[in-house]
């Protein structure tokens, strides 16, 4: 029975030390970590200027991204599936547009050949 008070003291010490580490560690990190404003003030003037110029663009991209996520979440399918489908549709649309542009360029080239009097069978 003489050993029990020592064990209780050990347990209390460990609880106090563990609590100090669990609470004090994150508190210390929060105290040491600089805020966004402090980091921005440490930037060189060139980086500050570049960051301020791109701020609106980044905010717009983020807003577009969040809007797309909200749109994707309305579907019954998982978001990543809907996102893949949207990317596939976008790629297909770009390919169609590229094909239409190539056809248009080909038609213009043929029209220019006819105007200049060259035959369509000759190649450059």
PDB file of N, CA and C in Angstrom:
ATOM      1  N   UNK A   1       0.800  -1.200   0.000  1.00  0.00           N
ATOM      2  CA  UNK A   1       0.000   0.000   0.000  1.00  0.00           C
ATOM      3  C   UNK A   1       0.840   1.261   0.000  1.00  0.00           C
ATOM      4  N   UNK A   2       2.062   1.151   0.340  1.00  0.00           N
ATOM      5  CA  UNK A   2       2.923   2.326   0.393  1.00  0.00           C
ATOM      6  C   UNK A   2       3.233   2.858  -0.999  1.00  0.00           C
ATOM      7  N   UNK A   3       3.123   1.998  -2.016  1.00  0.00           N
ATOM      8  CA  UNK A   3       3.441   2.409  -3.369  1.00  0.00           C
ATOM      9  C   UNK A   3       2.330   3.185  -4.048  1.00  0.00           C
ATOM     10  N   UNK A   4       1.117   3.128  -3.582  1.00  0.00           N
ATOM     11  CA  UNK A   4      -0.009   3.779  -4.254  1.00  0.00           C
ATOM     12  C   UNK A   4       0.092   5.298  -4.279  1.00  0.00           C
ATOM     13  N   UNK A   5       0.477   5.975  -3.206  1.00  0.00           N
ATOM     14  CA  UNK A   5       0.584   7.430  -3.290  1.00  0.00           C
ATOM     15  C   UNK A   5       1.624   7.881  -4.300  1.00  0.00           C
ATOM     16  N   UNK A   6       2.687   7.139  -4.462  1.00  0.00           N
ATOM     17  CA  UNK A   6       3.699   7.487  -5.453  1.00  0.00           C
ATOM     18  C   UNK A   6       3.158   7.347  -6.864  1.00  0.00           C
ATOM     19  N   UNK A   7       2.346   6.302  -7.087  1.00  0.00           N
ATOM     20  CA  UNK A   7       1.746   6.112  -8.400  1.00  0.00           C
ATOM     21  C   UNK A   7       0.770   7.228  -8.734  1.00  0.00           C
ATOM     22  N   UNK A   8       0.034   7.643  -7.727  1.00  0.00           N
ATOM     23  CA  UNK A   8      -0.927   8.731  -7.941  1.00  0.00           C
ATOM     24  C   UNK A   8      -0.191  10.021  -8.313  1.00  0.00           C
ATOM     25  N   UNK A   9       0.906  10.275  -7.640  1.00  0.00           N
ATOM     26  CA  UNK A   9       1.706  11.460  -7.962  1.00  0.00           C
ATOM     27  C   UNK A   9       2.277  11.387  -9.364  1.00  0.00           C
ATOM     28  N   UNK A  10       2.719  10.187  -9.763  1.00  0.00           N
ATOM     29  CA  UNK A  10       3.254  10.005 -11.112  1.00  0.00           C
ATOM     30  C   UNK A  10       2.166  10.247 -12.145  1.00  0.00           C
ATOM     31  N   UNK A  11       0.981   9.684 -11.879  1.00  0.00           N
ATOM     32  CA  UNK A  11      -0.139   9.882 -12.807  1.00  0.00           C
ATOM     33  C   UNK A  11      -0.500  11.361 -12.913  1.00  0.00           C
ATOM     34  N   UNK A  12      -0.543  12.048 -11.798  1.00  0.00           N
ATOM     35  CA  UNK A  12      -0.877  13.476 -11.827  1.00  0.00           C
ATOM     36  C   UNK A  12       0.178  14.273 -12.593  1.00  0.00           C
ATOM     37  N   UNK A  13       1.452  13.948 -12.371  1.00  0.00           N
ATOM     38  CA  UNK A  13       2.517  14.629 -13.121  1.00  0.00           C
ATOM     39  C   UNK A  13       2.370  14.394 -14.619  1.00  0.00           C
ATOM     40  N   UNK A  14       2.112  13.141 -14.993  1.00  0.00           N
ATOM     41  CA  UNK A  14       1.973  12.819 -16.416  1.00  0.00           C
ATOM     42  C   UNK A  14       0.769  13.515 -17.040  1.00  0.00           C
ATOM     43  N   UNK A  15      -0.336  13.595 -16.311  1.00  0.00           N
ATOM     44  CA  UNK A  15      -1.532  14.284 -16.826  1.00  0.00           C
ATOM     45  C   UNK A  15      -1.242  15.767 -17.022  1.00  0.00           C
ATOM     46  N   UNK A  16      -0.574  16.379 -16.027  1.00  0.00           N
ATOM     47  CA  UNK A  16      -0.246  17.806 -16.124  1.00  0.00           C
ATOM     48  C   UNK A  16       0.721  18.051 -17.278  1.00  0.00           C
ATOM     49  N   UNK A  17       1.768  17.232 -17.384  1.00  0.00           N
ATOM     50  CA  UNK A  17       2.754  17.407 -18.452  1.00  0.00           C
ATOM     51  C   UNK A  17       2.114  17.136 -19.815  1.00  0.00           C
ATOM     52  N   UNK A  18       1.314  16.080 -19.933  1.00  0.00           N
ATOM     53  CA  UNK A  18       0.631  15.770 -21.196  1.00  0.00           C
ATOM     54  C   UNK A  18      -0.313  16.880 -21.607  1.00  0.00           C
ATOM     55  N   UNK A  19      -1.076  17.399 -20.649  1.00  0.00           N
ATOM     56  CA  UNK A  19      -1.976  18.523 -20.945  1.00  0.00           C
ATOM     57  C   UNK A  19      -1.200  19.752 -21.379  1.00  0.00           C
ATOM     58  N   UNK A  20      -0.065  19.989 -20.702  1.00  0.00           N
ATOM     59  CA  UNK A  20       0.772  21.138 -21.081  1.00  0.00           C
ATOM     60  C   UNK A  20       1.295  21.002 -22.497  1.00  0.00           C
ATOM     61  N   UNK A  21       1.688  19.794 -22.872  1.00  0.00           N
ATOM     62  CA  UNK A  21       2.181  19.570 -24.237  1.00  0.00           C
ATOM     63  C   UNK A  21       1.042  19.698 -25.251  1.00  0.00           C
ATOM     64  N   UNK A  22      -0.104  19.089 -24.927  1.00  0.00           N
ATOM     65  CA  UNK A  22      -1.233  19.112 -25.876  1.00  0.00           C
ATOM     66  C   UNK A  22      -1.793  20.511 -26.065  1.00  0.00           C
ATOM     67  N   UNK A  23      -1.789  21.313 -25.024  1.00  0.00           N
ATOM     68  CA  UNK A  23      -2.325  22.669 -25.125  1.00  0.00           C
ATOM     69  C   UNK A  23      -1.217  23.664 -25.466  1.00  0.00           C
ATOM     70  N   UNK A  24      -0.069  23.508 -24.843  1.00  0.00           N
ATOM     71  CA  UNK A  24       1.021  24.463 -25.026  1.00  0.00           C
ATOM     72  C   UNK A  24       1.678  24.382 -26.384  1.00  0.00           C
ATOM     73  N   UNK A  25       1.768  23.177 -26.948  1.00  0.00           N
ATOM     74  CA  UNK A  25       2.394  23.018 -28.264  1.00  0.00           C
ATOM     75  C   UNK A  25       1.684  23.817 -29.345  1.00  0.00           C
ATOM     76  N   UNK A  26       0.376  23.570 -29.552  1.00  0.00           N
ATOM     77  CA  UNK A  26      -0.344  24.361 -30.552  1.00  0.00           C
ATOM     78  C   UNK A  26      -0.378  25.854 -30.222  1.00  0.00           C
ATOM     79  N   UNK A  27      -0.477  26.192 -28.924  1.00  0.00           N
ATOM     80  CA  UNK A  27      -0.473  27.612 -28.544  1.00  0.00           C
ATOM     81  C   UNK A  27       0.859  28.254 -28.916  1.00  0.00           C
ATOM     82  N   UNK A  28       1.965  27.544 -28.698  1.00  0.00           N
ATOM     83  CA  UNK A  28       3.278  28.059 -29.060  1.00  0.00           C
ATOM     84  C   UNK A  28       3.389  28.256 -30.572  1.00  0.00           C
ATOM     85  N   UNK A  29       2.903  27.290 -31.339  1.00  0.00           N
ATOM     86  CA  UNK A  29       2.948  27.394 -32.801  1.00  0.00           C
ATOM     87  C   UNK A  29       2.124  28.597 -33.269  1.00  0.00           C
ATOM     88  N   UNK A  30       0.943  28.782 -32.685  1.00  0.00           N
ATOM     89  CA  UNK A  30       0.111  29.933 -33.075  1.00  0.00           C
ATOM     90  C   UNK A  30       0.793  31.247 -32.717  1.00  0.00           C
ATOM     91  N   UNK A  31       1.513  31.270 -31.617  1.00  0.00           N
ATOM     92  CA  UNK A  31       2.197  32.482 -31.181  1.00  0.00           C
ATOM     93  C   UNK A  31       3.377  32.803 -32.093  1.00  0.00           C
ATOM     94  N   UNK A  32       4.099  31.770 -32.561  1.00  0.00           N
ATOM     95  CA  UNK A  32       5.296  31.956 -33.375  1.00  0.00           C
ATOM     96  C   UNK A  32       4.965  32.174 -34.842  1.00  0.00           C
ATOM     97  N   UNK A  33       3.907  31.558 -35.323  1.00  0.00           N
ATOM     98  CA  UNK A  33       3.571  31.609 -36.749  1.00  0.00           C
ATOM     99  C   UNK A  33       3.139  33.024 -37.156  1.00  0.00           C
ATOM    100  N   UNK A  34       3.738  33.570 -38.223  1.00  0.00           N
ATOM    101  CA  UNK A  34       3.355  34.919 -38.663  1.00  0.00           C
ATOM    102  C   UNK A  34       1.987  34.911 -39.346  1.00  0.00           C
ATOM    103  N   UNK A  35       1.295  36.034 -39.280  1.00  0.00           N
ATOM    104  CA  UNK A  35      -0.001  36.161 -39.953  1.00  0.00           C
ATOM    105  C   UNK A  35       0.225  36.437 -41.438  1.00  0.00           C
ATOM    106  N   UNK A  36      -0.837  36.373 -42.204  1.00  0.00           N
ATOM    107  CA  UNK A  36      -0.727  36.647 -43.639  1.00  0.00           C
ATOM    108  C   UNK A  36      -0.249  38.071 -43.896  1.00  0.00           C
ATOM    109  N   UNK A  37      -0.720  39.023 -43.097  1.00  0.00           N
ATOM    110  CA  UNK A  37      -0.311  40.417 -43.280  1.00  0.00           C
ATOM    111  C   UNK A  37       1.183  40.587 -43.005  1.00  0.00           C
ATOM    112  N   UNK A  38       1.668  39.920 -41.949  1.00  0.00           N
ATOM    113  CA  UNK A  38       3.095  40.013 -41.634  1.00  0.00           C
ATOM    114  C   UNK A  38       3.944  39.411 -42.752  1.00  0.00           C
ATOM    115  N   UNK A  39       3.504  38.305 -43.295  1.00  0.00           N
ATOM    116  CA  UNK A  39       4.234  37.707 -44.420  1.00  0.00           C
ATOM    117  C   UNK A  39       4.225  38.631 -45.628  1.00  0.00           C
ATOM    118  N   UNK A  40       3.073  39.233 -45.900  1.00  0.00           N
ATOM    119  CA  UNK A  40       2.963  40.138 -47.044  1.00  0.00           C
ATOM    120  C   UNK A  40       3.889  41.335 -46.870  1.00  0.00           C
ATOM    121  N   UNK A  41       4.007  41.843 -45.650  1.00  0.00           N
ATOM    122  CA  UNK A  41       4.881  42.989 -45.399  1.00  0.00           C
ATOM    123  C   UNK A  41       6.355  42.631 -45.596  1.00  0.00           C
ATOM    124  N   UNK A  42       6.703  41.358 -45.462  1.00  0.00           N
ATOM    125  CA  UNK A  42       8.089  40.927 -45.650  1.00  0.00           C
ATOM    126  C   UNK A  42       8.442  40.705 -47.120  1.00  0.00           C
ATOM    127  N   UNK A  43       7.447  40.712 -47.989  1.00  0.00           N
ATOM    128  CA  UNK A  43       7.710  40.525 -49.423  1.00  0.00           C
ATOM    129  C   UNK A  43       8.580  41.662 -49.942  1.00  0.00           C
ATOM    130  N   UNK A  44       9.312  41.369 -51.004  1.00  0.00           N
ATOM    131  CA  UNK A  44      10.037  42.432 -51.681  1.00  0.00           C
ATOM    132  C   UNK A  44       9.014  43.274 -52.440  1.00  0.00           C
ATOM    133  N   UNK A  45       9.354  44.529 -52.769  1.00  0.00           N
ATOM    134  CA  UNK A  45       8.402  45.380 -53.481  1.00  0.00           C
ATOM    135  C   UNK A  45       7.916  44.774 -54.801  1.00  0.00           C
ATOM    136  N   UNK A  46       8.797  44.048 -55.498  1.00  0.00           N
ATOM    137  CA  UNK A  46       8.385  43.423 -56.763  1.00  0.00           C
ATOM    138  C   UNK A  46       7.332  42.355 -56.525  1.00  0.00           C
ATOM    139  N   UNK A  47       7.559  41.520 -55.488  1.00  0.00           N
ATOM    140  CA  UNK A  47       6.588  40.474 -55.182  1.00  0.00           C
ATOM    141  C   UNK A  47       5.267  41.055 -54.709  1.00  0.00           C
ATOM    142  N   UNK A  48       5.319  42.135 -53.937  1.00  0.00           N
ATOM    143  CA  UNK A  48       4.085  42.787 -53.490  1.00  0.00           C
ATOM    144  C   UNK A  48       3.273  43.256 -54.689  1.00  0.00           C
ATOM    145  N   UNK A  49       3.961  43.901 -55.626  1.00  0.00           N
ATOM    146  CA  UNK A  49       3.286  44.426 -56.804  1.00  0.00           C
ATOM    147  C   UNK A  49       2.657  43.294 -57.613  1.00  0.00           C
ATOM    148  N   UNK A  50       3.430  42.223 -57.829  1.00  0.00           N
ATOM    149  CA  UNK A  50       2.933  41.082 -58.599  1.00  0.00           C
ATOM    150  C   UNK A  50       1.750  40.418 -57.892  1.00  0.00           C
ATOM    151  N   UNK A  51       1.845  40.302 -56.581  1.00  0.00           N
ATOM    152  CA  UNK A  51       0.776  39.674 -55.806  1.00  0.00           C
ATOM    153  C   UNK A  51      -0.503  40.502 -55.875  1.00  0.00           C
ATOM    154  N   UNK A  52      -0.363  41.810 -55.759  1.00  0.00           N
ATOM    155  CA  UNK A  52      -1.537  42.672 -55.825  1.00  0.00           C
ATOM    156  C   UNK A  52      -2.162  42.653 -57.218  1.00  0.00           C
ATOM    157  N   UNK A  53      -1.334  42.564 -58.253  1.00  0.00           N
ATOM    158  CA  UNK A  53      -1.867  42.525 -59.618  1.00  0.00           C
ATOM    159  C   UNK A  53      -2.664  41.244 -59.870  1.00  0.00           C
ATOM    160  N   UNK A  54      -2.201  40.146 -59.310  1.00  0.00           N
ATOM    161  CA  UNK A  54      -2.851  38.853 -59.555  1.00  0.00           C
ATOM    162  C   UNK A  54      -3.959  38.534 -58.567  1.00  0.00           C
ATOM    163  N   UNK A  55      -4.150  39.372 -57.560  1.00  0.00           N
ATOM    164  CA  UNK A  55      -5.134  39.080 -56.511  1.00  0.00           C
ATOM    165  C   UNK A  55      -6.537  38.909 -57.092  1.00  0.00           C
ATOM    166  N   UNK A  56      -6.974  39.841 -57.925  1.00  0.00           N
ATOM    167  CA  UNK A  56      -8.319  39.769 -58.495  1.00  0.00           C
ATOM    168  C   UNK A  56      -8.478  38.506 -59.341  1.00  0.00           C
ATOM    169  N   UNK A  57      -7.453  38.199 -60.121  1.00  0.00           N
ATOM    170  CA  UNK A  57      -7.506  37.017 -60.981  1.00  0.00           C
ATOM    171  C   UNK A  57      -7.636  35.737 -60.154  1.00  0.00           C
ATOM    172  N   UNK A  58      -6.870  35.630 -59.080  1.00  0.00           N
ATOM    173  CA  UNK A  58      -6.940  34.439 -58.211  1.00  0.00           C
ATOM    174  C   UNK A  58      -8.298  34.336 -57.537  1.00  0.00           C
ATOM    175  N   UNK A  59      -8.837  35.460 -57.080  1.00  0.00           N
ATOM    176  CA  UNK A  59     -10.146  35.443 -56.443  1.00  0.00           C
ATOM    177  C   UNK A  59     -11.216  35.013 -57.442  1.00  0.00           C
ATOM    178  N   UNK A  60     -11.100  35.490 -58.681  1.00  0.00           N
ATOM    179  CA  UNK A  60     -12.064  35.117 -59.717  1.00  0.00           C
ATOM    180  C   UNK A  60     -11.976  33.620 -59.999  1.00  0.00           C
ATOM    181  N   UNK A  61     -10.758  33.077 -60.119  1.00  0.00           N
ATOM    182  CA  UNK A  61     -10.586  31.645 -60.353  1.00  0.00           C
ATOM    183  C   UNK A  61     -11.181  30.830 -59.216  1.00  0.00           C
ATOM    184  N   UNK A  62     -10.954  31.277 -57.981  1.00  0.00           N
ATOM    185  CA  UNK A  62     -11.492  30.548 -56.830  1.00  0.00           C
ATOM    186  C   UNK A  62     -13.015  30.598 -56.825  1.00  0.00           C
ATOM    187  N   UNK A  63     -13.581  31.758 -57.109  1.00  0.00           N
ATOM    188  CA  UNK A  63     -15.037  31.879 -57.159  1.00  0.00           C
ATOM    189  C   UNK A  63     -15.628  30.994 -58.245  1.00  0.00           C
ATOM    190  N   UNK A  64     -14.968  30.953 -59.403  1.00  0.00           N
ATOM    191  CA  UNK A  64     -15.434  30.077 -60.477  1.00  0.00           C
ATOM    192  C   UNK A  64     -15.376  28.613 -60.056  1.00  0.00           C
ATOM    193  N   UNK A  65     -14.287  28.249 -59.378  1.00  0.00           N
ATOM    194  CA  UNK A  65     -14.124  26.876 -58.910  1.00  0.00           C
ATOM    195  C   UNK A  65     -15.230  26.497 -57.929  1.00  0.00           C
ATOM    196  N   UNK A  66     -15.516  27.383 -56.970  1.00  0.00           N
ATOM    197  CA  UNK A  66     -16.561  27.106 -55.979  1.00  0.00           C
ATOM    198  C   UNK A  66     -17.926  27.035 -56.659  1.00  0.00           C
ATOM    199  N   UNK A  67     -18.174  27.907 -57.626  1.00  0.00           N
ATOM    200  CA  UNK A  67     -19.430  27.877 -58.360  1.00  0.00           C
ATOM    201  C   UNK A  67     -19.591  26.551 -59.100  1.00  0.00           C
ATOM    202  N   UNK A  68     -18.507  26.089 -59.739  1.00  0.00           N
ATOM    203  CA  UNK A  68     -18.555  24.798 -60.425  1.00  0.00           C
ATOM    204  C   UNK A  68     -18.810  23.664 -59.444  1.00  0.00           C
ATOM    205  N   UNK A  69     -18.168  23.697 -58.295  1.00  0.00           N
ATOM    206  CA  UNK A  69     -18.387  22.645 -57.298  1.00  0.00           C
ATOM    207  C   UNK A  69     -19.839  22.632 -56.829  1.00  0.00           C
ATOM    208  N   UNK A  70     -20.409  23.803 -56.623  1.00  0.00           N
ATOM    209  CA  UNK A  70     -21.817  23.864 -56.222  1.00  0.00           C
ATOM    210  C   UNK A  70     -22.702  23.288 -57.316  1.00  0.00           C
ATOM    211  N   UNK A  71     -22.364  23.609 -58.551  1.00  0.00           N
ATOM    212  CA  UNK A  71     -23.126  23.098 -59.695  1.00  0.00           C
ATOM    213  C   UNK A  71     -23.004  21.574 -59.779  1.00  0.00           C
ATOM    214  N   UNK A  72     -21.788  21.068 -59.592  1.00  0.00           N
ATOM    215  CA  UNK A  72     -21.562  19.624 -59.651  1.00  0.00           C
ATOM    216  C   UNK A  72     -22.261  18.906 -58.501  1.00  0.00           C
ATOM    217  N   UNK A  73     -22.351  19.555 -57.349  1.00  0.00           N
ATOM    218  CA  UNK A  73     -22.943  18.892 -56.188  1.00  0.00           C
ATOM    219  C   UNK A  73     -24.455  18.738 -56.316  1.00  0.00           C
ATOM    220  N   UNK A  74     -25.076  19.446 -57.241  1.00  0.00           N
ATOM    221  CA  UNK A  74     -26.518  19.319 -57.451  1.00  0.00           C
ATOM    222  C   UNK A  74     -26.874  17.984 -58.094  1.00  0.00           C
ATOM    223  N   UNK A  75     -25.915  17.340 -58.733  1.00  0.00           N
ATOM    224  CA  UNK A  75     -26.146  16.066 -59.395  1.00  0.00           C
ATOM    225  C   UNK A  75     -26.204  14.940 -58.365  1.00  0.00           C
ATOM    226  N   UNK A  76     -26.837  13.844 -58.747  1.00  0.00           N
ATOM    227  CA  UNK A  76     -26.897  12.670 -57.879  1.00  0.00           C
ATOM    228  C   UNK A  76     -25.590  11.889 -57.901  1.00  0.00           C
ATOM    229  N   UNK A  77     -24.782  12.132 -58.915  1.00  0.00           N
ATOM    230  CA  UNK A  77     -23.512  11.421 -59.061  1.00  0.00           C
ATOM    231  C   UNK A  77     -22.455  12.049 -58.152  1.00  0.00           C
ATOM    232  N   UNK A  78     -21.373  11.305 -57.872  1.00  0.00           N
ATOM    233  CA  UNK A  78     -20.262  11.904 -57.108  1.00  0.00           C
ATOM    234  C   UNK A  78     -19.652  13.081 -57.868  1.00  0.00           C
ATOM    235  N   UNK A  79     -19.128  14.026 -57.116  1.00  0.00           N
ATOM    236  CA  UNK A  79     -18.599  15.259 -57.709  1.00  0.00           C
ATOM    237  C   UNK A  79     -17.490  14.954 -58.710  1.00  0.00           C
ATOM    238  N   UNK A  80     -16.584  14.016 -58.386  1.00  0.00           N
ATOM    239  CA  UNK A  80     -15.461  13.740 -59.273  1.00  0.00           C
ATOM    240  C   UNK A  80     -15.940  13.140 -60.591  1.00  0.00           C
ATOM    241  N   UNK A  81     -17.033  12.389 -60.570  1.00  0.00           N
ATOM    242  CA  UNK A  81     -17.578  11.832 -61.811  1.00  0.00           C
ATOM    243  C   UNK A  81     -18.152  12.945 -62.675  1.00  0.00           C
ATOM    244  N   UNK A  82     -18.913  13.822 -62.051  1.00  0.00           N
ATOM    245  CA  UNK A  82     -19.502  14.943 -62.793  1.00  0.00           C
ATOM    246  C   UNK A  82     -18.402  15.848 -63.321  1.00  0.00           C
ATOM    247  N   UNK A  83     -17.343  16.041 -62.544  1.00  0.00           N
ATOM    248  CA  UNK A  83     -16.228  16.890 -62.972  1.00  0.00           C
ATOM    249  C   UNK A  83     -15.516  16.267 -64.170  1.00  0.00           C
ATOM    250  N   UNK A  84     -15.315  14.948 -64.143  1.00  0.00           N
ATOM    251  CA  UNK A  84     -14.685  14.272 -65.289  1.00  0.00           C
ATOM    252  C   UNK A  84     -15.546  14.404 -66.535  1.00  0.00           C
ATOM    253  N   UNK A  85     -16.863  14.254 -66.383  1.00  0.00           N
ATOM    254  CA  UNK A  85     -17.764  14.402 -67.526  1.00  0.00           C
ATOM    255  C   UNK A  85     -17.693  15.815 -68.094  1.00  0.00           C
ATOM    256  N   UNK A  86     -17.664  16.803 -67.210  1.00  0.00           N
ATOM    257  CA  UNK A  86     -17.584  18.196 -67.664  1.00  0.00           C
ATOM    258  C   UNK A  86     -16.266  18.445 -68.396  1.00  0.00           C
ATOM    259  N   UNK A  87     -15.163  17.900 -67.875  1.00  0.00           N
ATOM    260  CA  UNK A  87     -13.866  18.060 -68.546  1.00  0.00           C
ATOM    261  C   UNK A  87     -13.879  17.374 -69.913  1.00  0.00           C
ATOM    262  N   UNK A  88     -14.488  16.191 -69.986  1.00  0.00           N
ATOM    263  CA  UNK A  88     -14.562  15.475 -71.256  1.00  0.00           C
ATOM    264  C   UNK A  88     -15.381  16.289 -72.270  1.00  0.00           C
ATOM    265  N   UNK A  89     -16.513  16.842 -71.822  1.00  0.00           N
ATOM    266  CA  UNK A  89     -17.335  17.667 -72.719  1.00  0.00           C
ATOM    267  C   UNK A  89     -16.563  18.901 -73.187  1.00  0.00           C
ATOM    268  N   UNK A  90     -15.820  19.496 -72.265  1.00  0.00           N
ATOM    269  CA  UNK A  90     -15.042  20.689 -72.615  1.00  0.00           C
ATOM    270  C   UNK A  90     -13.968  20.351 -73.652  1.00  0.00           C
ATOM    271  N   UNK A  91     -13.274  19.203 -73.444  1.00  0.00           N
ATOM    272  CA  UNK A  91     -12.260  18.778 -74.419  1.00  0.00           C
ATOM    273  C   UNK A  91     -12.877  18.504 -75.780  1.00  0.00           C
ATOM    274  N   UNK A  92     -14.037  17.820 -75.786  1.00  0.00           N
ATOM    275  CA  UNK A  92     -14.706  17.537 -77.052  1.00  0.00           C
ATOM    276  C   UNK A  92     -15.106  18.825 -77.759  1.00  0.00           C
ATOM    277  N   UNK A  93     -15.588  19.798 -76.989  1.00  0.00           N
ATOM    278  CA  UNK A  93     -15.976  21.081 -77.575  1.00  0.00           C
ATOM    279  C   UNK A  93     -14.754  21.794 -78.164  1.00  0.00           C
ATOM    280  N   UNK A  94     -13.625  21.731 -77.466  1.00  0.00           N
ATOM    281  CA  UNK A  94     -12.401  22.340 -77.988  1.00  0.00           C
ATOM    282  C   UNK A  94     -11.939  21.638 -79.267  1.00  0.00           C
ATOM    283  N   UNK A  95     -12.046  20.309 -79.289  1.00  0.00           N
ATOM    284  CA  UNK A  95     -11.678  19.574 -80.502  1.00  0.00           C
ATOM    285  C   UNK A  95     -12.595  19.939 -81.664  1.00  0.00           C
ATOM    286  N   UNK A  96     -13.897  20.045 -81.379  1.00  0.00           N
ATOM    287  CA  UNK A  96     -14.836  20.459 -82.439  1.00  0.00           C
ATOM    288  C   UNK A  96     -14.496  21.849 -82.955  1.00  0.00           C
ATOM    289  N   UNK A  97     -14.176  22.748 -82.030  1.00  0.00           N
ATOM    290  CA  UNK A  97     -13.835  24.117 -82.414  1.00  0.00           C
ATOM    291  C   UNK A  97     -12.553  24.135 -83.251  1.00  0.00           C
ATOM    292  N   UNK A  98     -11.557  23.348 -82.828  1.00  0.00           N
ATOM    293  CA  UNK A  98     -10.311  23.263 -83.598  1.00  0.00           C
ATOM    294  C   UNK A  98     -10.571  22.710 -84.994  1.00  0.00           C
ATOM    295  N   UNK A  99     -11.416  21.694 -85.077  1.00  0.00           N
ATOM    296  CA  UNK A  99     -11.745  21.109 -86.377  1.00  0.00           C
ATOM    297  C   UNK A  99     -12.456  22.133 -87.258  1.00  0.00           C
ATOM    298  N   UNK A 100     -13.409  22.864 -86.668  1.00  0.00           N
ATOM    299  CA  UNK A 100     -14.129  23.889 -87.436  1.00  0.00           C
ATOM    300  C   UNK A 100     -13.163  24.978 -87.900  1.00  0.00           C
ATOM    301  N   UNK A 101     -12.227  25.375 -87.047  1.00  0.00           N
ATOM    302  CA  UNK A 101     -11.240  26.384 -87.439  1.00  0.00           C
ATOM    303  C   UNK A 101     -10.343  25.874 -88.561  1.00  0.00           C
ATOM    304  N   UNK A 102      -9.954  24.600 -88.491  1.00  0.00           N
ATOM    305  CA  UNK A 102      -9.123  24.021 -89.544  1.00  0.00           C
ATOM    306  C   UNK A 102      -9.880  23.959 -90.864  1.00  0.00           C
ATOM    307  N   UNK A 103     -11.143  23.583 -90.818  1.00  0.00           N
ATOM    308  CA  UNK A 103     -11.959  23.542 -92.028  1.00  0.00           C
ATOM    309  C   UNK A 103     -12.129  24.939 -92.620  1.00  0.00           C
ATOM    310  N   UNK A 104     -12.331  25.911 -91.749  1.00  0.00           N
ATOM    311  CA  UNK A 104     -12.480  27.291 -92.206  1.00  0.00           C
ATOM    312  C   UNK A 104     -11.180  27.786 -92.854  1.00  0.00           C
ATOM    313  N   UNK A 105     -10.053  27.475 -92.246  1.00  0.00           N
ATOM    314  CA  UNK A 105      -8.763  27.877 -92.798  1.00  0.00           C
ATOM    315  C   UNK A 105      -8.530  27.199 -94.144  1.00  0.00           C
ATOM    316  N   UNK A 106      -8.919  25.939 -94.238  1.00  0.00           N
ATOM    317  CA  UNK A 106      -8.772  25.205 -95.495  1.00  0.00           C
ATOM    318  C   UNK A 106      -9.639  25.835 -96.582  1.00  0.00           C
ATOM    319  N   UNK A 107     -10.864  26.208 -96.226  1.00  0.00           N
ATOM    320  CA  UNK A 107     -11.757  26.842 -97.192  1.00  0.00           C
ATOM    321  C   UNK A 107     -11.199  28.203 -97.628  1.00  0.00           C
ATOM    322  N   UNK A 108     -10.660  28.965 -96.694  1.00  0.00           N
ATOM    323  CA  UNK A 108     -10.070  30.263 -97.050  1.00  0.00           C
ATOM    324  C   UNK A 108      -8.863  30.077 -97.967  1.00  0.00           C
ATOM    325  N   UNK A 109      -8.043  29.082 -97.665  1.00  0.00           N
ATOM    326  CA  UNK A 109      -6.866  28.814 -98.481  1.00  0.00           C
ATOM    327  C   UNK A 109      -7.284  28.442 -99.902  1.00  0.00           C
ATOM    328  N   UNK A 110      -8.317  27.603 -99.992  1.00  0.00           N
ATOM    329  CA  UNK A 110      -8.823  27.201-101.315  1.00  0.00           C
ATOM    330  C   UNK A 110      -9.394  28.401-102.063  1.00  0.00           C
ATOM    331  N   UNK A 111     -10.128  29.257-101.366  1.00  0.00           N
ATOM    332  CA  UNK A 111     -10.685  30.451-101.999  1.00  0.00           C
ATOM    333  C   UNK A 111      -9.580  31.376-102.487  1.00  0.00           C
ATOM    334  N   UNK A 112      -8.510  31.508-101.691  1.00  0.00           N
ATOM    335  CA  UNK A 112      -7.393  32.359-102.099  1.00  0.00           C
ATOM    336  C   UNK A 112      -6.692  31.781-103.329  1.00  0.00           C
ATOM    337  N   UNK A 113      -6.597  30.455-103.404  1.00  0.00           N
ATOM    338  CA  UNK A 113      -6.000  29.823-104.574  1.00  0.00           C
ATOM    339  C   UNK A 113      -6.831  30.105-105.824  1.00  0.00           C
ATOM    340  N   UNK A 114      -8.146  29.989-105.674  1.00  0.00           N
ATOM    341  CA  UNK A 114      -9.025  30.232-106.819  1.00  0.00           C
ATOM    342  C   UNK A 114      -8.942  31.687-107.278  1.00  0.00           C
ATOM    343  N   UNK A 115      -8.861  32.616-106.314  1.00  0.00           N
ATOM    344  CA  UNK A 115      -8.760  34.021-106.659  1.00  0.00           C
ATOM    345  C   UNK A 115      -7.446  34.328-107.369  1.00  0.00           C
ATOM    346  N   UNK A 116      -6.378  33.662-106.952  1.00  0.00           N
ATOM    347  CA  UNK A 116      -5.078  33.958-107.563  1.00  0.00           C
ATOM    348  C   UNK A 116      -4.879  33.209-108.864  1.00  0.00           C
ATOM    349  N   UNK A 117      -5.795  32.273-109.175  1.00  0.00           N
ATOM    350  CA  UNK A 117      -5.707  31.562-110.447  1.00  0.00           C
ATOM    351  C   UNK A 117      -4.907  30.279-110.381  1.00  0.00           C
ATOM    352  N   UNK A 118      -4.466  29.866-109.197  1.00  0.00           N
ATOM    353  CA  UNK A 118      -3.745  28.601-109.077  1.00  0.00           C
ATOM    354  C   UNK A 118      -4.755  27.466-109.057  1.00  0.00           C
ATOM    355  N   UNK A 119      -4.338  26.338-109.553  1.00  0.00           N
ATOM    356  CA  UNK A 119      -5.243  25.183-109.554  1.00  0.00           C
ATOM    357  C   UNK A 119      -5.233  24.557-108.161  1.00  0.00           C
ATOM    358  N   UNK A 120      -6.317  23.881-107.815  1.00  0.00           N
ATOM    359  CA  UNK A 120      -6.410  23.270-106.480  1.00  0.00           C
ATOM    360  C   UNK A 120      -5.572  22.005-106.382  1.00  0.00           C
ATOM    361  N   UNK A 121      -5.138  21.433-107.524  1.00  0.00           N
ATOM    362  CA  UNK A 121      -4.346  20.224-107.482  1.00  0.00           C
ATOM    363  C   UNK A 121      -2.881  20.488-107.139  1.00  0.00           C
ATOM    364  N   UNK A 122      -2.399  21.718-107.404  1.00  0.00           N
ATOM    365  CA  UNK A 122      -0.994  22.025-107.072  1.00  0.00           C
ATOM    366  C   UNK A 122      -0.885  22.253-105.574  1.00  0.00           C
ATOM    367  N   UNK A 123       0.245  21.816-105.040  1.00  0.00           N
ATOM    368  CA  UNK A 123       0.449  21.983-103.586  1.00  0.00           C
ATOM    369  C   UNK A 123       1.669  22.853-103.346  1.00  0.00           C
ATOM    370  N   UNK A 124       1.728  23.480-102.168  1.00  0.00           N
ATOM    371  CA  UNK A 124       2.817  24.389-101.851  1.00  0.00           C
ATOM    372  C   UNK A 124       4.013  23.670-101.355  1.00  0.00           C
TER     373      UNK A 124
END
